[in-house]
Amino acid sequence: MGSSFFVSADQPNGASWPFSTDQLVDSITRLWPSSAVGGGHGDVLEMDVHVDGRTLTFDWNIAHQVLRFPDQDPLAEPARIVHRLLREVAPDVPAVWWTECDATPEPIDLSPDPEIFVRDFVG
């Protein structure tokens, strides 16, 4: 606990996100209607995603196009949010995730079953 997770297109291998920040925001507020997006500082957009009575915080770095969220227990729900969001906005883009303390990119499995990604992500 206490670390952060990061998600991006697999930029070292030439991948990039095909969506704009506005499209990302539109998807979040459509998929999770009670979510709040805004604020932040500089190139960072803060997103509070409301799911099943919980508020899960994500940040979107606009300049680097990286999604960040804090380590939290349980990790399964934020992993499901990441999977659903990426399936919505960039289903065919190779994506990776890494932790703040171990910057080794790991591939994201965007197969239709989110539980595969959740299992890989949560461990």
C-alpha atoms as a PDB file:
ATOM      1  CA  MET A   1       0.000   0.000   0.000  1.00  0.00           C
ATOM      2  CA  GLY A   2       1.072   3.608  -0.461  1.00  0.00           C
ATOM      3  CA  SER A   3       2.269   3.270  -4.030  1.00  0.00           C
ATOM      4  CA  SER A   4       0.586   4.280  -7.263  1.00  0.00           C
ATOM      5  CA  PHE A   5      -0.229   2.405 -10.435  1.00  0.00           C
ATOM      6  CA  PHE A   6       0.212   3.853 -13.899  1.00  0.00           C
ATOM      7  CA  VAL A   7      -1.401   2.875 -17.211  1.00  0.00           C
ATOM      8  CA  SER A   8      -0.397   4.061 -20.672  1.00  0.00           C
ATOM      9  CA  ALA A   9      -0.278   3.025 -24.274  1.00  0.00           C
ATOM     10  CA  ASP A  10       2.829   0.918 -24.926  1.00  0.00           C
ATOM     11  CA  GLN A  11       4.754   4.007 -26.060  1.00  0.00           C
ATOM     12  CA  PRO A  12       8.220   2.371 -26.175  1.00  0.00           C
ATOM     13  CA  ASN A  13       6.814   0.031 -28.823  1.00  0.00           C
ATOM     14  CA  GLY A  14       5.139   2.801 -30.829  1.00  0.00           C
ATOM     15  CA  ALA A  15       1.597   2.675 -29.441  1.00  0.00           C
ATOM     16  CA  SER A  16      -0.389   5.811 -28.670  1.00  0.00           C
ATOM     17  CA  TRP A  17      -3.898   6.511 -27.462  1.00  0.00           C
ATOM     18  CA  PRO A  18      -6.401   7.324 -30.219  1.00  0.00           C
ATOM     19  CA  PHE A  19      -8.662   9.374 -27.912  1.00  0.00           C
ATOM     20  CA  SER A  20      -8.580  12.953 -26.697  1.00  0.00           C
ATOM     21  CA  THR A  21      -8.892  14.036 -23.087  1.00  0.00           C
ATOM     22  CA  ASP A  22     -12.446  15.189 -23.845  1.00  0.00           C
ATOM     23  CA  GLN A  23     -13.331  11.739 -25.204  1.00  0.00           C
ATOM     24  CA  LEU A  24     -11.866  10.133 -22.082  1.00  0.00           C
ATOM     25  CA  VAL A  25     -13.945  12.400 -19.845  1.00  0.00           C
ATOM     26  CA  ASP A  26     -17.083  11.723 -21.907  1.00  0.00           C
ATOM     27  CA  SER A  27     -16.538   7.969 -21.563  1.00  0.00           C
ATOM     28  CA  ILE A  28     -16.003   8.148 -17.804  1.00  0.00           C
ATOM     29  CA  THR A  29     -19.117  10.211 -17.191  1.00  0.00           C
ATOM     30  CA  ARG A  30     -21.194   7.987 -19.504  1.00  0.00           C
ATOM     31  CA  LEU A  31     -19.952   4.674 -18.041  1.00  0.00           C
ATOM     32  CA  TRP A  32     -20.101   5.889 -14.416  1.00  0.00           C
ATOM     33  CA  PRO A  33     -22.710   8.704 -14.461  1.00  0.00           C
ATOM     34  CA  SER A  34     -22.217   9.944 -10.888  1.00  0.00           C
ATOM     35  CA  SER A  35     -18.474  10.442 -11.417  1.00  0.00           C
ATOM     36  CA  ALA A  36     -16.803  13.834 -11.049  1.00  0.00           C
ATOM     37  CA  VAL A  37     -14.063  15.037 -13.380  1.00  0.00           C
ATOM     38  CA  GLY A  38     -12.105  18.257 -13.158  1.00  0.00           C
ATOM     39  CA  GLY A  39      -9.746  20.228 -11.048  1.00  0.00           C
ATOM     40  CA  GLY A  40      -6.230  19.007 -10.809  1.00  0.00           C
ATOM     41  CA  HIS A  41      -3.162  21.086 -11.374  1.00  0.00           C
ATOM     42  CA  GLY A  42      -1.214  21.862 -14.521  1.00  0.00           C
ATOM     43  CA  ASP A  43      -1.523  19.006 -16.976  1.00  0.00           C
ATOM     44  CA  VAL A  44      -3.267  16.686 -14.488  1.00  0.00           C
ATOM     45  CA  LEU A  45      -7.014  16.048 -14.552  1.00  0.00           C
ATOM     46  CA  GLU A  46      -8.566  14.521 -11.425  1.00  0.00           C
ATOM     47  CA  MET A  47     -11.343  11.947 -11.761  1.00  0.00           C
ATOM     48  CA  ASP A  48     -13.482  10.539  -8.956  1.00  0.00           C
ATOM     49  CA  VAL A  49     -15.202   7.433 -10.296  1.00  0.00           C
ATOM     50  CA  HIS A  50     -18.222   6.327  -8.262  1.00  0.00           C
ATOM     51  CA  VAL A  51     -18.904   2.582  -8.298  1.00  0.00           C
ATOM     52  CA  ASP A  52     -21.052   0.562  -5.884  1.00  0.00           C
ATOM     53  CA  GLY A  53     -20.916   3.144  -3.113  1.00  0.00           C
ATOM     54  CA  ARG A  54     -17.155   3.674  -3.428  1.00  0.00           C
ATOM     55  CA  THR A  55     -15.254   6.629  -4.830  1.00  0.00           C
ATOM     56  CA  LEU A  56     -12.096   5.619  -6.669  1.00  0.00           C
ATOM     57  CA  THR A  57      -9.649   8.370  -7.533  1.00  0.00           C
ATOM     58  CA  PHE A  58      -7.780   8.460 -10.823  1.00  0.00           C
ATOM     59  CA  ASP A  59      -5.562  11.136 -12.364  1.00  0.00           C
ATOM     60  CA  TRP A  60      -5.019  11.676 -16.082  1.00  0.00           C
ATOM     61  CA  ASN A  61      -1.717  13.285 -17.078  1.00  0.00           C
ATOM     62  CA  ILE A  62      -2.731  15.129 -20.229  1.00  0.00           C
ATOM     63  CA  ALA A  63       0.786  15.816 -21.523  1.00  0.00           C
ATOM     64  CA  HIS A  64       2.086  12.261 -21.059  1.00  0.00           C
ATOM     65  CA  GLN A  65      -1.284  10.506 -21.553  1.00  0.00           C
ATOM     66  CA  VAL A  66      -0.879   8.373 -18.447  1.00  0.00           C
ATOM     67  CA  LEU A  67      -3.629   7.244 -16.099  1.00  0.00           C
ATOM     68  CA  ARG A  68      -2.617   7.000 -12.420  1.00  0.00           C
ATOM     69  CA  PHE A  69      -4.427   5.647  -9.401  1.00  0.00           C
ATOM     70  CA  PRO A  70      -3.319   4.955  -5.838  1.00  0.00           C
ATOM     71  CA  ASP A  71      -2.803   1.501  -4.406  1.00  0.00           C
ATOM     72  CA  GLN A  72      -5.893   0.588  -2.430  1.00  0.00           C
ATOM     73  CA  ASP A  73      -7.577  -2.426  -0.976  1.00  0.00           C
ATOM     74  CA  PRO A  74      -9.173  -4.143  -2.755  1.00  0.00           C
ATOM     75  CA  LEU A  75      -7.500  -3.519  -6.122  1.00  0.00           C
ATOM     76  CA  ALA A  76     -10.011  -5.528  -8.122  1.00  0.00           C
ATOM     77  CA  GLU A  77     -12.479  -2.652  -8.637  1.00  0.00           C
ATOM     78  CA  PRO A  78      -9.958  -0.101  -9.949  1.00  0.00           C
ATOM     79  CA  ALA A  79      -8.610  -2.855 -12.234  1.00  0.00           C
ATOM     80  CA  ARG A  80     -12.138  -3.463 -13.572  1.00  0.00           C
ATOM     81  CA  ILE A  81     -12.556   0.265 -14.186  1.00  0.00           C
ATOM     82  CA  VAL A  82      -9.269   0.422 -16.116  1.00  0.00           C
ATOM     83  CA  HIS A  83     -10.252  -2.619 -18.179  1.00  0.00           C
ATOM     84  CA  ARG A  84     -13.733  -1.291 -19.006  1.00  0.00           C
ATOM     85  CA  LEU A  85     -12.449   2.188 -19.803  1.00  0.00           C
ATOM     86  CA  LEU A  86      -9.704   0.948 -22.122  1.00  0.00           C
ATOM     87  CA  ARG A  87     -12.090  -1.481 -23.841  1.00  0.00           C
ATOM     88  CA  GLU A  88     -14.287   1.555 -24.490  1.00  0.00           C
ATOM     89  CA  VAL A  89     -11.729   4.120 -25.684  1.00  0.00           C
ATOM     90  CA  ALA A  90      -8.820   2.061 -27.046  1.00  0.00           C
ATOM     91  CA  PRO A  91      -9.632  -1.663 -27.346  1.00  0.00           C
ATOM     92  CA  ASP A  92      -6.985  -2.387 -29.986  1.00  0.00           C
ATOM     93  CA  VAL A  93      -4.109  -0.328 -28.583  1.00  0.00           C
ATOM     94  CA  PRO A  94      -1.331  -2.244 -26.812  1.00  0.00           C
ATOM     95  CA  ALA A  95      -1.264  -0.901 -23.266  1.00  0.00           C
ATOM     96  CA  VAL A  96       0.957  -1.384 -20.224  1.00  0.00           C
ATOM     97  CA  TRP A  97       0.806  -0.789 -16.500  1.00  0.00           C
ATOM     98  CA  TRP A  98       3.499  -0.371 -13.867  1.00  0.00           C
ATOM     99  CA  THR A  99       3.889   0.604 -10.242  1.00  0.00           C
ATOM    100  CA  GLU A 100       5.607   3.603  -8.770  1.00  0.00           C
ATOM    101  CA  CYS A 101       8.151   1.425  -6.961  1.00  0.00           C
ATOM    102  CA  ASP A 102       8.803  -0.971  -9.869  1.00  0.00           C
ATOM    103  CA  ALA A 103       8.719   0.857 -13.186  1.00  0.00           C
ATOM    104  CA  THR A 104       8.707  -2.372 -15.213  1.00  0.00           C
ATOM    105  CA  PRO A 105       5.872  -2.133 -17.769  1.00  0.00           C
ATOM    106  CA  GLU A 106       3.535  -5.124 -17.804  1.00  0.00           C
ATOM    107  CA  PRO A 107       1.136  -5.727 -20.713  1.00  0.00           C
ATOM    108  CA  ILE A 108      -2.587  -5.246 -20.219  1.00  0.00           C
ATOM    109  CA  ASP A 109      -4.890  -8.013 -21.408  1.00  0.00           C
ATOM    110  CA  LEU A 110      -7.938  -6.340 -22.937  1.00  0.00           C
ATOM    111  CA  SER A 111      -9.715  -9.568 -23.797  1.00  0.00           C
ATOM    112  CA  PRO A 112     -13.492  -9.365 -23.307  1.00  0.00           C
ATOM    113  CA  ASP A 113     -13.380 -11.013 -19.871  1.00  0.00           C
ATOM    114  CA  PRO A 114     -12.254  -8.366 -17.361  1.00  0.00           C
ATOM    115  CA  GLU A 115     -11.507 -11.023 -14.742  1.00  0.00           C
ATOM    116  CA  ILE A 116      -8.439 -12.153 -16.699  1.00  0.00           C
ATOM    117  CA  PHE A 117      -6.972  -8.655 -16.392  1.00  0.00           C
ATOM    118  CA  VAL A 118      -8.094  -8.345 -12.769  1.00  0.00           C
ATOM    119  CA  ARG A 119      -6.405 -11.651 -11.895  1.00  0.00           C
ATOM    120  CA  ASP A 120      -3.189 -10.639 -13.691  1.00  0.00           C
ATOM    121  CA  PHE A 121      -3.249  -7.180 -12.121  1.00  0.00           C
ATOM    122  CA  VAL A 122      -4.145  -8.093  -8.552  1.00  0.00           C
ATOM    123  CA  GLY A 123      -1.923 -11.144  -8.495  1.00  0.00           C
END
